[in-house]
ModelCIF file with pLDDT and N, C-alpha, C, O atoms, coordinates in Angstrom:
data_MODEL
#
_entry.id   MODEL 
#
_entity.id                         1 
_entity.type                       polymer 
_entity.pdbx_number_of_molecules   1 
#
_entity_poly.entity_id                      1 
_entity_poly.type                           'polypeptide(L)' 
_entity_poly.nstd_linkage                   no 
_entity_poly.nstd_monomer                   no 
_entity_poly.pdbx_seq_one_letter_code       ADRLAGAGLAVPDAVRCGVSSSVRAVRSATLLITVLAVSALLM 
_entity_poly.pdbx_seq_one_letter_code_can   ADRLAGAGLAVPDAVRCGVSSSVRAVRSATLLITVLAVSALLM 
_entity_poly.pdbx_strand_id                 A 
#
loop_
_entity_poly_seq.entity_id 
_entity_poly_seq.num 
_entity_poly_seq.mon_id 
_entity_poly_seq.hetero 
1 1  ALA n 
1 2  ASP n 
1 3  ARG n 
1 4  LEU n 
1 5  ALA n 
1 6  GLY n 
1 7  ALA n 
1 8  GLY n 
1 9  LEU n 
1 10 ALA n 
1 11 VAL n 
1 12 PRO n 
1 13 ASP n 
1 14 ALA n 
1 15 VAL n 
1 16 ARG n 
1 17 CYS n 
1 18 GLY n 
1 19 VAL n 
1 20 SER n 
1 21 SER n 
1 22 SER n 
1 23 VAL n 
1 24 ARG n 
1 25 ALA n 
1 26 VAL n 
1 27 ARG n 
1 28 SER n 
1 29 ALA n 
1 30 THR n 
1 31 LEU n 
1 32 LEU n 
1 33 ILE n 
1 34 THR n 
1 35 VAL n 
1 36 LEU n 
1 37 ALA n 
1 38 VAL n 
1 39 SER n 
1 40 ALA n 
1 41 LEU n 
1 42 LEU n 
1 43 MET n 
#
_struct_asym.id          A 
_struct_asym.entity_id   1 
#
loop_
_ma_qa_metric.id 
_ma_qa_metric.mode 
_ma_qa_metric.name 
_ma_qa_metric.software_group_id 
_ma_qa_metric.type 
1 global pLDDT . pLDDT 
2 local  pLDDT . pLDDT 
#
_ma_qa_metric_global.metric_id      1 
_ma_qa_metric_global.metric_value   88.93 
_ma_qa_metric_global.model_id       1 
_ma_qa_metric_global.ordinal_id     1 
#
loop_
_ma_qa_metric_local.label_asym_id 
_ma_qa_metric_local.label_comp_id 
_ma_qa_metric_local.label_seq_id 
_ma_qa_metric_local.metric_id 
_ma_qa_metric_local.metric_value 
_ma_qa_metric_local.model_id 
_ma_qa_metric_local.ordinal_id 
A ALA 1  2 93.00 1 1  
A ASP 2  2 91.00 1 2  
A ARG 3  2 91.00 1 3  
A LEU 4  2 91.00 1 4  
A ALA 5  2 88.00 1 5  
A GLY 6  2 86.00 1 6  
A ALA 7  2 86.00 1 7  
A GLY 8  2 84.00 1 8  
A LEU 9  2 87.00 1 9  
A ALA 10 2 87.00 1 10 
A VAL 11 2 84.00 1 11 
A PRO 12 2 84.00 1 12 
A ASP 13 2 82.00 1 13 
A ALA 14 2 81.00 1 14 
A VAL 15 2 83.00 1 15 
A ARG 16 2 79.00 1 16 
A CYS 17 2 84.00 1 17 
A GLY 18 2 86.00 1 18 
A VAL 19 2 85.00 1 19 
A SER 20 2 86.00 1 20 
A SER 21 2 90.00 1 21 
A SER 22 2 91.00 1 22 
A VAL 23 2 91.00 1 23 
A ARG 24 2 92.00 1 24 
A ALA 25 2 94.00 1 25 
A VAL 26 2 94.00 1 26 
A ARG 27 2 94.00 1 27 
A SER 28 2 95.00 1 28 
A ALA 29 2 95.00 1 29 
A THR 30 2 95.00 1 30 
A LEU 31 2 96.00 1 31 
A LEU 32 2 95.00 1 32 
A ILE 33 2 95.00 1 33 
A THR 34 2 94.00 1 34 
A VAL 35 2 94.00 1 35 
A LEU 36 2 93.00 1 36 
A ALA 37 2 92.00 1 37 
A VAL 38 2 91.00 1 38 
A SER 39 2 89.00 1 39 
A ALA 40 2 87.00 1 40 
A LEU 41 2 85.00 1 41 
A LEU 42 2 84.00 1 42 
A MET 43 2 80.00 1 43 
#
loop_
_atom_site.group_PDB 
_atom_site.id 
_atom_site.type_symbol 
_atom_site.label_atom_id 
_atom_site.label_alt_id 
_atom_site.label_comp_id 
_atom_site.label_asym_id 
_atom_site.label_entity_id 
_atom_site.label_seq_id 
_atom_site.pdbx_PDB_ins_code 
_atom_site.Cartn_x 
_atom_site.Cartn_y 
_atom_site.Cartn_z 
_atom_site.occupancy 
_atom_site.B_iso_or_equiv 
_atom_site.pdbx_formal_charge 
_atom_site.auth_seq_id 
_atom_site.auth_comp_id 
_atom_site.auth_asym_id 
_atom_site.auth_atom_id 
_atom_site.pdbx_PDB_model_num 
ATOM 1   N N  . ALA A 1 1  ? -65.346 -145.919 75.097  1.00 93.00 ? 1  ALA A N  1 
ATOM 2   C CA . ALA A 1 1  ? -65.258 -144.356 75.120  1.00 93.00 ? 1  ALA A CA 1 
ATOM 3   C C  . ALA A 1 1  ? -63.182 -144.073 75.175  1.00 93.00 ? 1  ALA A C  1 
ATOM 4   O O  . ALA A 1 1  ? -62.664 -142.991 74.900  1.00 93.00 ? 1  ALA A O  1 
ATOM 5   N N  . ASP A 1 2  ? -62.561 -145.066 75.498  1.00 91.00 ? 2  ASP A N  1 
ATOM 6   C CA . ASP A 1 2  ? -61.434 -145.331 75.612  1.00 91.00 ? 2  ASP A CA 1 
ATOM 7   C C  . ASP A 1 2  ? -60.999 -144.921 74.123  1.00 91.00 ? 2  ASP A C  1 
ATOM 8   O O  . ASP A 1 2  ? -60.423 -143.887 73.786  1.00 91.00 ? 2  ASP A O  1 
ATOM 9   N N  . ARG A 1 3  ? -61.502 -146.208 73.153  1.00 91.00 ? 3  ARG A N  1 
ATOM 10  C CA . ARG A 1 3  ? -61.497 -146.263 71.826  1.00 91.00 ? 3  ARG A CA 1 
ATOM 11  C C  . ARG A 1 3  ? -61.637 -145.314 71.169  1.00 91.00 ? 3  ARG A C  1 
ATOM 12  O O  . ARG A 1 3  ? -60.899 -145.097 70.208  1.00 91.00 ? 3  ARG A O  1 
ATOM 13  N N  . LEU A 1 4  ? -62.935 -144.248 71.635  1.00 91.00 ? 4  LEU A N  1 
ATOM 14  C CA . LEU A 1 4  ? -62.994 -142.992 70.431  1.00 91.00 ? 4  LEU A CA 1 
ATOM 15  C C  . LEU A 1 4  ? -62.278 -141.904 70.538  1.00 91.00 ? 4  LEU A C  1 
ATOM 16  O O  . LEU A 1 4  ? -61.813 -141.287 69.580  1.00 91.00 ? 4  LEU A O  1 
ATOM 17  N N  . ALA A 1 5  ? -62.039 -141.352 72.738  1.00 88.00 ? 5  ALA A N  1 
ATOM 18  C CA . ALA A 1 5  ? -60.951 -140.822 72.527  1.00 88.00 ? 5  ALA A CA 1 
ATOM 19  C C  . ALA A 1 5  ? -59.342 -141.279 71.928  1.00 88.00 ? 5  ALA A C  1 
ATOM 20  O O  . ALA A 1 5  ? -58.490 -140.512 71.479  1.00 88.00 ? 5  ALA A O  1 
ATOM 21  N N  . GLY A 1 6  ? -59.290 -142.159 72.021  1.00 86.00 ? 6  GLY A N  1 
ATOM 22  C CA . GLY A 1 6  ? -58.026 -142.512 71.192  1.00 86.00 ? 6  GLY A CA 1 
ATOM 23  C C  . GLY A 1 6  ? -58.080 -142.086 70.001  1.00 86.00 ? 6  GLY A C  1 
ATOM 24  O O  . GLY A 1 6  ? -57.011 -141.578 69.664  1.00 86.00 ? 6  GLY A O  1 
ATOM 25  N N  . ALA A 1 7  ? -58.996 -142.072 69.084  1.00 86.00 ? 7  ALA A N  1 
ATOM 26  C CA . ALA A 1 7  ? -59.432 -142.037 67.799  1.00 86.00 ? 7  ALA A CA 1 
ATOM 27  C C  . ALA A 1 7  ? -59.474 -140.276 67.804  1.00 86.00 ? 7  ALA A C  1 
ATOM 28  O O  . ALA A 1 7  ? -59.711 -139.771 66.707  1.00 86.00 ? 7  ALA A O  1 
ATOM 29  N N  . GLY A 1 8  ? -59.302 -139.531 68.729  1.00 84.00 ? 8  GLY A N  1 
ATOM 30  C CA . GLY A 1 8  ? -59.765 -138.050 68.851  1.00 84.00 ? 8  GLY A CA 1 
ATOM 31  C C  . GLY A 1 8  ? -61.523 -137.579 68.312  1.00 84.00 ? 8  GLY A C  1 
ATOM 32  O O  . GLY A 1 8  ? -62.064 -136.495 68.092  1.00 84.00 ? 8  GLY A O  1 
ATOM 33  N N  . LEU A 1 9  ? -62.037 -139.168 68.252  1.00 87.00 ? 9  LEU A N  1 
ATOM 34  C CA . LEU A 1 9  ? -63.585 -138.815 68.042  1.00 87.00 ? 9  LEU A CA 1 
ATOM 35  C C  . LEU A 1 9  ? -64.180 -138.192 69.416  1.00 87.00 ? 9  LEU A C  1 
ATOM 36  O O  . LEU A 1 9  ? -65.025 -137.297 69.395  1.00 87.00 ? 9  LEU A O  1 
ATOM 37  N N  . ALA A 1 10 ? -63.574 -138.844 70.819  1.00 87.00 ? 10 ALA A N  1 
ATOM 38  C CA . ALA A 1 10 ? -64.643 -138.026 71.917  1.00 87.00 ? 10 ALA A CA 1 
ATOM 39  C C  . ALA A 1 10 ? -63.386 -137.700 73.203  1.00 87.00 ? 10 ALA A C  1 
ATOM 40  O O  . ALA A 1 10 ? -62.378 -138.311 73.556  1.00 87.00 ? 10 ALA A O  1 
ATOM 41  N N  . VAL A 1 11 ? -64.112 -136.299 73.693  1.00 84.00 ? 11 VAL A N  1 
ATOM 42  C CA . VAL A 1 11 ? -63.084 -135.692 74.543  1.00 84.00 ? 11 VAL A CA 1 
ATOM 43  C C  . VAL A 1 11 ? -62.848 -136.876 75.465  1.00 84.00 ? 11 VAL A C  1 
ATOM 44  O O  . VAL A 1 11 ? -63.766 -137.656 75.718  1.00 84.00 ? 11 VAL A O  1 
ATOM 45  N N  . PRO A 1 12 ? -61.552 -137.028 76.003  1.00 84.00 ? 12 PRO A N  1 
ATOM 46  C CA . PRO A 1 12 ? -61.332 -137.606 77.012  1.00 84.00 ? 12 PRO A CA 1 
ATOM 47  C C  . PRO A 1 12 ? -61.861 -137.498 78.402  1.00 84.00 ? 12 PRO A C  1 
ATOM 48  O O  . PRO A 1 12 ? -61.921 -136.395 78.946  1.00 84.00 ? 12 PRO A O  1 
ATOM 49  N N  . ASP A 1 13 ? -62.316 -138.782 79.112  1.00 82.00 ? 13 ASP A N  1 
ATOM 50  C CA . ASP A 1 13 ? -62.957 -138.213 80.308  1.00 82.00 ? 13 ASP A CA 1 
ATOM 51  C C  . ASP A 1 13 ? -62.257 -137.212 81.234  1.00 82.00 ? 13 ASP A C  1 
ATOM 52  O O  . ASP A 1 13 ? -62.882 -136.268 81.717  1.00 82.00 ? 13 ASP A O  1 
ATOM 53  N N  . ALA A 1 14 ? -60.690 -137.465 81.532  1.00 81.00 ? 14 ALA A N  1 
ATOM 54  C CA . ALA A 1 14 ? -60.264 -136.761 82.548  1.00 81.00 ? 14 ALA A CA 1 
ATOM 55  C C  . ALA A 1 14 ? -59.970 -135.173 82.013  1.00 81.00 ? 14 ALA A C  1 
ATOM 56  O O  . ALA A 1 14 ? -59.327 -134.420 82.745  1.00 81.00 ? 14 ALA A O  1 
ATOM 57  N N  . VAL A 1 15 ? -60.458 -134.725 80.744  1.00 83.00 ? 15 VAL A N  1 
ATOM 58  C CA . VAL A 1 15 ? -60.497 -133.732 80.305  1.00 83.00 ? 15 VAL A CA 1 
ATOM 59  C C  . VAL A 1 15 ? -61.665 -132.989 80.897  1.00 83.00 ? 15 VAL A C  1 
ATOM 60  O O  . VAL A 1 15 ? -61.523 -131.938 81.521  1.00 83.00 ? 15 VAL A O  1 
ATOM 61  N N  . ARG A 1 16 ? -62.944 -133.631 80.658  1.00 79.00 ? 16 ARG A N  1 
ATOM 62  C CA . ARG A 1 16 ? -64.015 -133.451 80.512  1.00 79.00 ? 16 ARG A CA 1 
ATOM 63  C C  . ARG A 1 16 ? -64.341 -132.993 82.141  1.00 79.00 ? 16 ARG A C  1 
ATOM 64  O O  . ARG A 1 16 ? -64.772 -131.886 82.465  1.00 79.00 ? 16 ARG A O  1 
ATOM 65  N N  . CYS A 1 17 ? -64.059 -134.003 82.982  1.00 84.00 ? 17 CYS A N  1 
ATOM 66  C CA . CYS A 1 17 ? -64.129 -133.815 84.041  1.00 84.00 ? 17 CYS A CA 1 
ATOM 67  C C  . CYS A 1 17 ? -63.653 -132.421 84.809  1.00 84.00 ? 17 CYS A C  1 
ATOM 68  O O  . CYS A 1 17 ? -64.113 -131.658 85.659  1.00 84.00 ? 17 CYS A O  1 
ATOM 69  N N  . GLY A 1 18 ? -62.469 -132.546 84.010  1.00 86.00 ? 18 GLY A N  1 
ATOM 70  C CA . GLY A 1 18 ? -61.574 -131.656 85.130  1.00 86.00 ? 18 GLY A CA 1 
ATOM 71  C C  . GLY A 1 18 ? -62.155 -130.303 84.696  1.00 86.00 ? 18 GLY A C  1 
ATOM 72  O O  . GLY A 1 18 ? -62.261 -129.406 85.532  1.00 86.00 ? 18 GLY A O  1 
ATOM 73  N N  . VAL A 1 19 ? -62.642 -130.068 83.069  1.00 85.00 ? 19 VAL A N  1 
ATOM 74  C CA . VAL A 1 19 ? -63.205 -128.801 83.118  1.00 85.00 ? 19 VAL A CA 1 
ATOM 75  C C  . VAL A 1 19 ? -64.835 -128.509 83.294  1.00 85.00 ? 19 VAL A C  1 
ATOM 76  O O  . VAL A 1 19 ? -65.249 -127.399 82.957  1.00 85.00 ? 19 VAL A O  1 
ATOM 77  N N  . SER A 1 20 ? -65.599 -129.326 83.727  1.00 86.00 ? 20 SER A N  1 
ATOM 78  C CA . SER A 1 20 ? -66.429 -129.276 84.479  1.00 86.00 ? 20 SER A CA 1 
ATOM 79  C C  . SER A 1 20 ? -66.259 -128.727 86.134  1.00 86.00 ? 20 SER A C  1 
ATOM 80  O O  . SER A 1 20 ? -66.571 -127.687 86.714  1.00 86.00 ? 20 SER A O  1 
ATOM 81  N N  . SER A 1 21 ? -65.544 -130.104 86.576  1.00 90.00 ? 21 SER A N  1 
ATOM 82  C CA . SER A 1 21 ? -65.208 -129.504 88.280  1.00 90.00 ? 21 SER A CA 1 
ATOM 83  C C  . SER A 1 21 ? -64.673 -128.180 88.385  1.00 90.00 ? 21 SER A C  1 
ATOM 84  O O  . SER A 1 21 ? -65.034 -127.548 89.378  1.00 90.00 ? 21 SER A O  1 
ATOM 85  N N  . SER A 1 22 ? -63.865 -127.597 87.555  1.00 91.00 ? 22 SER A N  1 
ATOM 86  C CA . SER A 1 22 ? -63.446 -126.372 87.468  1.00 91.00 ? 22 SER A CA 1 
ATOM 87  C C  . SER A 1 22 ? -64.369 -125.513 87.266  1.00 91.00 ? 22 SER A C  1 
ATOM 88  O O  . SER A 1 22 ? -64.247 -124.618 88.102  1.00 91.00 ? 22 SER A O  1 
ATOM 89  N N  . VAL A 1 23 ? -65.210 -125.335 86.597  1.00 91.00 ? 23 VAL A N  1 
ATOM 90  C CA . VAL A 1 23 ? -66.756 -124.059 85.921  1.00 91.00 ? 23 VAL A CA 1 
ATOM 91  C C  . VAL A 1 23 ? -66.948 -124.881 87.470  1.00 91.00 ? 23 VAL A C  1 
ATOM 92  O O  . VAL A 1 23 ? -66.102 -124.505 88.281  1.00 91.00 ? 23 VAL A O  1 
ATOM 93  N N  . ARG A 1 24 ? -67.654 -125.649 87.859  1.00 92.00 ? 24 ARG A N  1 
ATOM 94  C CA . ARG A 1 24 ? -67.924 -125.837 89.482  1.00 92.00 ? 24 ARG A CA 1 
ATOM 95  C C  . ARG A 1 24 ? -67.879 -124.744 90.522  1.00 92.00 ? 24 ARG A C  1 
ATOM 96  O O  . ARG A 1 24 ? -68.701 -124.064 91.136  1.00 92.00 ? 24 ARG A O  1 
ATOM 97  N N  . ALA A 1 25 ? -66.130 -124.908 90.435  1.00 94.00 ? 25 ALA A N  1 
ATOM 98  C CA . ALA A 1 25 ? -65.479 -124.392 91.384  1.00 94.00 ? 25 ALA A CA 1 
ATOM 99  C C  . ALA A 1 25 ? -65.728 -122.729 91.195  1.00 94.00 ? 25 ALA A C  1 
ATOM 100 O O  . ALA A 1 25 ? -66.366 -122.182 92.095  1.00 94.00 ? 25 ALA A O  1 
ATOM 101 N N  . VAL A 1 26 ? -65.399 -122.153 90.413  1.00 94.00 ? 26 VAL A N  1 
ATOM 102 C CA . VAL A 1 26 ? -65.865 -120.881 90.103  1.00 94.00 ? 26 VAL A CA 1 
ATOM 103 C C  . VAL A 1 26 ? -66.826 -120.657 90.425  1.00 94.00 ? 26 VAL A C  1 
ATOM 104 O O  . VAL A 1 26 ? -66.816 -119.830 91.336  1.00 94.00 ? 26 VAL A O  1 
ATOM 105 N N  . ARG A 1 27 ? -68.138 -121.109 90.031  1.00 94.00 ? 27 ARG A N  1 
ATOM 106 C CA . ARG A 1 27 ? -69.603 -121.132 90.231  1.00 94.00 ? 27 ARG A CA 1 
ATOM 107 C C  . ARG A 1 27 ? -69.628 -120.923 92.116  1.00 94.00 ? 27 ARG A C  1 
ATOM 108 O O  . ARG A 1 27 ? -70.152 -120.103 92.870  1.00 94.00 ? 27 ARG A O  1 
ATOM 109 N N  . SER A 1 28 ? -69.152 -121.595 92.220  1.00 95.00 ? 28 SER A N  1 
ATOM 110 C CA . SER A 1 28 ? -69.101 -121.679 94.393  1.00 95.00 ? 28 SER A CA 1 
ATOM 111 C C  . SER A 1 28 ? -68.561 -120.388 94.562  1.00 95.00 ? 28 SER A C  1 
ATOM 112 O O  . SER A 1 28 ? -69.160 -119.451 95.091  1.00 95.00 ? 28 SER A O  1 
ATOM 113 N N  . ALA A 1 29 ? -67.374 -120.355 94.083  1.00 95.00 ? 29 ALA A N  1 
ATOM 114 C CA . ALA A 1 29 ? -66.227 -119.146 94.597  1.00 95.00 ? 29 ALA A CA 1 
ATOM 115 C C  . ALA A 1 29 ? -67.538 -117.295 94.209  1.00 95.00 ? 29 ALA A C  1 
ATOM 116 O O  . ALA A 1 29 ? -67.799 -116.233 94.775  1.00 95.00 ? 29 ALA A O  1 
ATOM 117 N N  . THR A 1 30 ? -67.804 -117.822 93.296  1.00 95.00 ? 30 THR A N  1 
ATOM 118 C CA . THR A 1 30 ? -69.009 -116.836 92.988  1.00 95.00 ? 30 THR A CA 1 
ATOM 119 C C  . THR A 1 30 ? -70.083 -116.107 93.706  1.00 95.00 ? 30 THR A C  1 
ATOM 120 O O  . THR A 1 30 ? -70.556 -114.975 93.609  1.00 95.00 ? 30 THR A O  1 
ATOM 121 N N  . LEU A 1 31 ? -70.360 -117.377 94.635  1.00 96.00 ? 31 LEU A N  1 
ATOM 122 C CA . LEU A 1 31 ? -71.247 -117.364 95.270  1.00 96.00 ? 31 LEU A CA 1 
ATOM 123 C C  . LEU A 1 31 ? -70.962 -117.077 96.629  1.00 96.00 ? 31 LEU A C  1 
ATOM 124 O O  . LEU A 1 31 ? -71.906 -116.679 97.311  1.00 96.00 ? 31 LEU A O  1 
ATOM 125 N N  . LEU A 1 32 ? -69.536 -117.234 97.307  1.00 95.00 ? 32 LEU A N  1 
ATOM 126 C CA . LEU A 1 32 ? -69.023 -117.337 98.023  1.00 95.00 ? 32 LEU A CA 1 
ATOM 127 C C  . LEU A 1 32 ? -68.727 -116.110 98.339  1.00 95.00 ? 32 LEU A C  1 
ATOM 128 O O  . LEU A 1 32 ? -68.597 -115.745 99.507  1.00 95.00 ? 32 LEU A O  1 
ATOM 129 N N  . ILE A 1 33 ? -68.555 -115.158 97.071  1.00 95.00 ? 33 ILE A N  1 
ATOM 130 C CA . ILE A 1 33 ? -68.002 -113.736 97.190  1.00 95.00 ? 33 ILE A CA 1 
ATOM 131 C C  . ILE A 1 33 ? -69.236 -113.108 97.397  1.00 95.00 ? 33 ILE A C  1 
ATOM 132 O O  . ILE A 1 33 ? -69.529 -112.489 98.420  1.00 95.00 ? 33 ILE A O  1 
ATOM 133 N N  . THR A 1 34 ? -69.942 -113.266 96.443  1.00 94.00 ? 34 THR A N  1 
ATOM 134 C CA . THR A 1 34 ? -71.492 -112.416 96.714  1.00 94.00 ? 34 THR A CA 1 
ATOM 135 C C  . THR A 1 34 ? -71.875 -112.528 98.517  1.00 94.00 ? 34 THR A C  1 
ATOM 136 O O  . THR A 1 34 ? -72.435 -111.566 99.043  1.00 94.00 ? 34 THR A O  1 
ATOM 137 N N  . VAL A 1 35 ? -71.495 -113.838 99.398  1.00 94.00 ? 35 VAL A N  1 
ATOM 138 C CA . VAL A 1 35 ? -72.209 -113.850 100.094 1.00 94.00 ? 35 VAL A CA 1 
ATOM 139 C C  . VAL A 1 35 ? -71.154 -113.000 101.176 1.00 94.00 ? 35 VAL A C  1 
ATOM 140 O O  . VAL A 1 35 ? -71.502 -112.506 102.248 1.00 94.00 ? 35 VAL A O  1 
ATOM 141 N N  . LEU A 1 36 ? -70.229 -112.983 100.778 1.00 93.00 ? 36 LEU A N  1 
ATOM 142 C CA . LEU A 1 36 ? -68.980 -112.048 101.736 1.00 93.00 ? 36 LEU A CA 1 
ATOM 143 C C  . LEU A 1 36 ? -69.372 -110.507 101.419 1.00 93.00 ? 36 LEU A C  1 
ATOM 144 O O  . LEU A 1 36 ? -69.226 -109.570 102.204 1.00 93.00 ? 36 LEU A O  1 
ATOM 145 N N  . ALA A 1 37 ? -69.723 -110.462 100.542 1.00 92.00 ? 37 ALA A N  1 
ATOM 146 C CA . ALA A 1 37 ? -69.676 -108.956 100.245 1.00 92.00 ? 37 ALA A CA 1 
ATOM 147 C C  . ALA A 1 37 ? -70.952 -108.180 100.706 1.00 92.00 ? 37 ALA A C  1 
ATOM 148 O O  . ALA A 1 37 ? -70.980 -106.966 100.508 1.00 92.00 ? 37 ALA A O  1 
ATOM 149 N N  . VAL A 1 38 ? -71.900 -108.737 101.247 1.00 91.00 ? 38 VAL A N  1 
ATOM 150 C CA . VAL A 1 38 ? -73.123 -108.794 101.803 1.00 91.00 ? 38 VAL A CA 1 
ATOM 151 C C  . VAL A 1 38 ? -73.313 -108.565 103.311 1.00 91.00 ? 38 VAL A C  1 
ATOM 152 O O  . VAL A 1 38 ? -74.031 -107.762 103.906 1.00 91.00 ? 38 VAL A O  1 
ATOM 153 N N  . SER A 1 39 ? -72.161 -109.832 103.909 1.00 89.00 ? 39 SER A N  1 
ATOM 154 C CA . SER A 1 39 ? -71.958 -110.080 105.247 1.00 89.00 ? 39 SER A CA 1 
ATOM 155 C C  . SER A 1 39 ? -71.476 -108.027 105.279 1.00 89.00 ? 39 SER A C  1 
ATOM 156 O O  . SER A 1 39 ? -72.172 -107.088 105.665 1.00 89.00 ? 39 SER A O  1 
ATOM 157 N N  . ALA A 1 40 ? -70.076 -108.027 104.712 1.00 87.00 ? 40 ALA A N  1 
ATOM 158 C CA . ALA A 1 40 ? -69.487 -106.866 105.320 1.00 87.00 ? 40 ALA A CA 1 
ATOM 159 C C  . ALA A 1 40 ? -69.989 -105.568 104.420 1.00 87.00 ? 40 ALA A C  1 
ATOM 160 O O  . ALA A 1 40 ? -69.205 -104.671 104.108 1.00 87.00 ? 40 ALA A O  1 
ATOM 161 N N  . LEU A 1 41 ? -71.433 -105.572 104.026 1.00 85.00 ? 41 LEU A N  1 
ATOM 162 C CA . LEU A 1 41 ? -71.932 -104.489 103.659 1.00 85.00 ? 41 LEU A CA 1 
ATOM 163 C C  . LEU A 1 41 ? -72.818 -104.071 104.594 1.00 85.00 ? 41 LEU A C  1 
ATOM 164 O O  . LEU A 1 41 ? -73.174 -102.905 104.765 1.00 85.00 ? 41 LEU A O  1 
ATOM 165 N N  . LEU A 1 42 ? -73.282 -105.321 105.384 1.00 84.00 ? 42 LEU A N  1 
ATOM 166 C CA . LEU A 1 42 ? -74.483 -105.186 106.538 1.00 84.00 ? 42 LEU A CA 1 
ATOM 167 C C  . LEU A 1 42 ? -73.145 -104.894 107.882 1.00 84.00 ? 42 LEU A C  1 
ATOM 168 O O  . LEU A 1 42 ? -73.425 -104.496 109.013 1.00 84.00 ? 42 LEU A O  1 
ATOM 169 N N  . MET A 1 43 ? -72.024 -105.139 107.500 1.00 80.00 ? 43 MET A N  1 
ATOM 170 C CA . MET A 1 43 ? -71.945 -104.686 109.413 1.00 80.00 ? 43 MET A CA 1 
ATOM 171 C C  . MET A 1 43 ? -71.727 -103.680 109.638 1.00 80.00 ? 43 MET A C  1 
ATOM 172 O O  . MET A 1 43 ? -71.659 -103.311 110.811 1.00 80.00 ? 43 MET A O  1 
#
């Protein structure tokens, strides 16, 4: 994997993991916002 990434043929592991974890964080935030909005509306 390191050899392919160094040759520009593979996505570096740090980049792929960083993007994937960031996308998961935004999805979690979306769910949290939805829950908070419903809770506020039901007050």
